[in-house]
């Protein structure tokens, strides 16, 4: 069963990210200057599945590194946020700029880089990172019987936002 660990995590994180993306768009609407708030019409591109899956698996793998696991969860989330922004930038560069798929465009937002990422979203990613860390450990604990440090999601969020270890 252990050999299926990363495929299961990949599929789970891909599906969770697609759900979050659809939910986000149903509340905020289009990321255009004429935002349609609370339209409840959610959508996404299937390309976000592998992007979200890769981000989730990498955050989980990061949490498995001994020297990273020993640092505070808030700093793990900062490192995870930076990695997610890097993955999102290079995914956008390849999909949007090189292949011309135009899946997203943040060029109208402040603190944007080539229209592919906006540093405003760093706060959002920082808030999502504890959920990813918890989900990764929860799946590894329940499905693969591995030791989980973050069994309580609310306690983890408290640790992250108070910058404490325990």
Protein backbone atom coordinates (compact mmCIF):
# COMPACT_ATOMS: atom_id res chain seq x y z
CA UNK A 1 0.00 0.00 0.00
CA UNK A 2 2.94 2.32 0.69
CA UNK A 3 3.82 2.41 -3.01
CA UNK A 4 0.49 4.13 -3.68
CA UNK A 5 1.18 6.90 -1.16
CA UNK A 6 2.22 9.60 -3.61
CA UNK A 7 -0.35 8.77 -6.31
CA UNK A 8 -3.10 8.91 -3.65
CA UNK A 9 -1.75 12.21 -2.29
CA UNK A 10 -1.40 13.58 -5.85
CA UNK A 11 -5.02 12.77 -6.72
CA UNK A 12 -6.32 14.02 -3.37
CA UNK A 13 -4.49 17.34 -3.52
CA UNK A 14 -5.43 17.80 -7.17
CA UNK A 15 -9.13 17.31 -6.37
CA UNK A 16 -8.97 19.54 -3.29
CA UNK A 17 -7.31 22.32 -5.28
CA UNK A 18 -9.90 22.06 -8.07
CA UNK A 19 -12.66 22.30 -5.44
CA UNK A 20 -11.00 25.34 -3.80
CA UNK A 21 -10.59 27.03 -7.16
CA UNK A 22 -14.25 26.47 -8.12
CA UNK A 23 -15.39 27.62 -4.67
CA UNK A 24 -13.19 30.72 -4.86
CA UNK A 25 -14.54 31.66 -8.29
CA UNK A 26 -18.12 31.11 -7.16
CA UNK A 27 -17.64 33.64 -4.35
CA UNK A 28 -15.31 36.19 -5.97
CA UNK A 29 -16.24 35.67 -9.61
CA UNK A 30 -13.92 36.44 -12.49
CA UNK A 31 -10.50 37.78 -11.73
CA UNK A 32 -11.09 40.73 -13.96
CA UNK A 33 -11.39 44.41 -13.10
CA UNK A 34 -15.18 43.92 -13.19
CA UNK A 35 -15.40 41.28 -10.44
CA UNK A 36 -18.78 39.63 -10.02
CA UNK A 37 -19.06 39.02 -6.31
CA UNK A 38 -21.20 36.17 -5.02
CA UNK A 39 -22.20 34.99 -8.47
CA UNK A 40 -22.14 31.37 -7.20
CA UNK A 41 -20.95 30.33 -10.65
CA UNK A 42 -17.74 28.41 -10.07
CA UNK A 43 -15.34 27.23 -12.74
CA UNK A 44 -11.73 26.30 -13.29
CA UNK A 45 -9.42 24.74 -15.84
CA UNK A 46 -8.38 21.11 -15.66
CA UNK A 47 -4.80 22.36 -15.80
CA UNK A 48 -5.09 23.44 -12.16
CA UNK A 49 -5.46 19.78 -11.10
CA UNK A 50 -1.79 18.83 -11.66
CA UNK A 51 -0.60 22.25 -10.44
CA UNK A 52 -2.50 21.90 -7.15
CA UNK A 53 -1.47 18.26 -6.84
CA UNK A 54 2.21 19.08 -7.27
CA UNK A 55 1.96 21.91 -4.72
CA UNK A 56 0.24 19.66 -2.16
CA UNK A 57 2.66 16.77 -2.59
CA UNK A 58 5.66 19.10 -2.34
CA UNK A 59 4.28 20.69 0.85
CA UNK A 60 3.83 17.22 2.31
CA UNK A 61 7.31 16.13 1.26
CA UNK A 62 8.70 19.32 2.76
CA UNK A 63 7.03 18.41 6.04
CA UNK A 64 8.76 15.01 5.97
CA UNK A 65 12.25 16.56 5.96
CA UNK A 66 13.72 16.25 9.45
CA UNK A 67 15.24 19.74 9.63
CA UNK A 68 12.02 21.32 8.32
CA UNK A 69 9.74 19.31 10.61
CA UNK A 70 11.66 20.64 13.62
CA UNK A 71 10.86 24.28 12.82
CA UNK A 72 7.64 26.05 13.74
CA UNK A 73 4.60 25.33 11.55
CA UNK A 74 4.34 29.04 10.72
CA UNK A 75 7.78 28.93 9.10
CA UNK A 76 6.85 25.71 7.29
CA UNK A 77 3.87 27.62 5.89
CA UNK A 78 6.09 30.54 4.84
CA UNK A 79 8.42 28.14 3.01
CA UNK A 80 5.38 26.38 1.49
CA UNK A 81 3.92 29.71 0.36
CA UNK A 82 7.16 30.62 -1.40
CA UNK A 83 7.29 27.20 -3.10
CA UNK A 84 3.64 27.46 -4.22
CA UNK A 85 4.25 30.93 -5.69
CA UNK A 86 7.30 29.62 -7.57
CA UNK A 87 5.33 26.63 -8.92
CA UNK A 88 2.42 28.88 -9.86
CA UNK A 89 4.73 31.34 -11.63
CA UNK A 90 6.47 28.67 -13.70
CA UNK A 91 3.17 26.91 -14.46
CA UNK A 92 1.70 30.21 -15.61
CA UNK A 93 4.81 31.00 -17.62
CA UNK A 94 4.58 27.67 -19.46
CA UNK A 95 0.79 27.40 -19.83
CA UNK A 96 -0.14 31.04 -20.34
CA UNK A 97 2.88 32.72 -21.86
CA UNK A 98 4.49 29.90 -23.85
CA UNK A 99 1.46 27.78 -24.80
CA UNK A 100 -1.00 30.71 -24.92
CA UNK A 101 -3.73 28.96 -22.92
CA UNK A 102 -4.60 32.14 -20.96
CA UNK A 103 -5.85 30.23 -17.93
CA UNK A 104 -5.24 33.19 -15.61
CA UNK A 105 -4.05 36.74 -15.89
CA UNK A 106 -3.17 38.84 -12.85
CA UNK A 107 -1.66 41.72 -14.81
CA UNK A 108 -4.25 44.19 -13.46
CA UNK A 109 -3.47 43.37 -9.82
CA UNK A 110 -0.85 45.19 -7.75
CA UNK A 111 2.38 43.36 -6.89
CA UNK A 112 2.00 41.08 -9.91
CA UNK A 113 4.91 39.49 -11.76
CA UNK A 114 4.40 39.13 -15.52
CA UNK A 115 0.68 38.67 -14.90
CA UNK A 116 1.32 35.10 -13.69
CA UNK A 117 1.35 35.64 -9.93
CA UNK A 118 0.39 38.43 -7.59
CA UNK A 119 2.16 38.66 -4.29
CA UNK A 120 -1.20 39.63 -2.80
CA UNK A 121 -2.07 35.94 -3.04
CA UNK A 122 0.88 35.05 -0.80
CA UNK A 123 -1.37 35.75 2.20
CA UNK A 124 -4.03 33.44 0.78
CA UNK A 125 -1.47 30.68 0.19
CA UNK A 126 -0.11 31.18 3.72
CA UNK A 127 -3.66 30.62 5.04
CA UNK A 128 -4.16 27.50 2.89
CA UNK A 129 -0.75 25.94 3.71
CA UNK A 130 -1.77 24.68 7.19
CA UNK A 131 -4.75 22.91 5.62
CA UNK A 132 -2.38 21.22 3.16
CA UNK A 133 0.04 20.20 5.92
CA UNK A 134 -2.81 18.81 8.02
CA UNK A 135 -4.45 16.98 5.09
CA UNK A 136 -1.13 15.44 4.09
CA UNK A 137 -0.50 14.14 7.60
CA UNK A 138 -4.13 13.07 8.07
CA UNK A 139 -4.02 10.92 4.91
CA UNK A 140 -0.65 9.46 5.85
CA UNK A 141 -1.96 8.71 9.36
CA UNK A 142 -5.32 7.19 8.36
CA UNK A 143 -4.39 5.41 5.13
CA UNK A 144 -0.72 4.54 5.63
CA UNK A 145 -0.55 4.32 9.45
CA UNK A 146 2.25 6.88 9.68
CA UNK A 147 2.84 9.11 12.70
CA UNK A 148 1.03 12.44 12.41
CA UNK A 149 2.15 15.49 14.34
CA UNK A 150 -0.77 17.66 13.18
CA UNK A 151 -3.89 15.69 14.08
CA UNK A 152 -5.93 18.73 15.08
CA UNK A 153 -6.46 21.28 12.29
CA UNK A 154 -7.59 24.06 14.62
CA UNK A 155 -4.58 23.58 16.90
CA UNK A 156 -2.33 23.74 13.83
CA UNK A 157 -3.89 27.02 12.68
CA UNK A 158 -3.44 28.40 16.20
CA UNK A 159 0.25 27.40 16.12
CA UNK A 160 0.71 28.97 12.69
CA UNK A 161 -0.89 32.31 13.52
CA UNK A 162 0.72 32.63 16.96
CA UNK A 163 4.11 31.53 15.58
CA UNK A 164 4.44 28.85 18.29
CA UNK A 165 5.64 25.26 18.04
CA UNK A 166 3.17 23.74 20.54
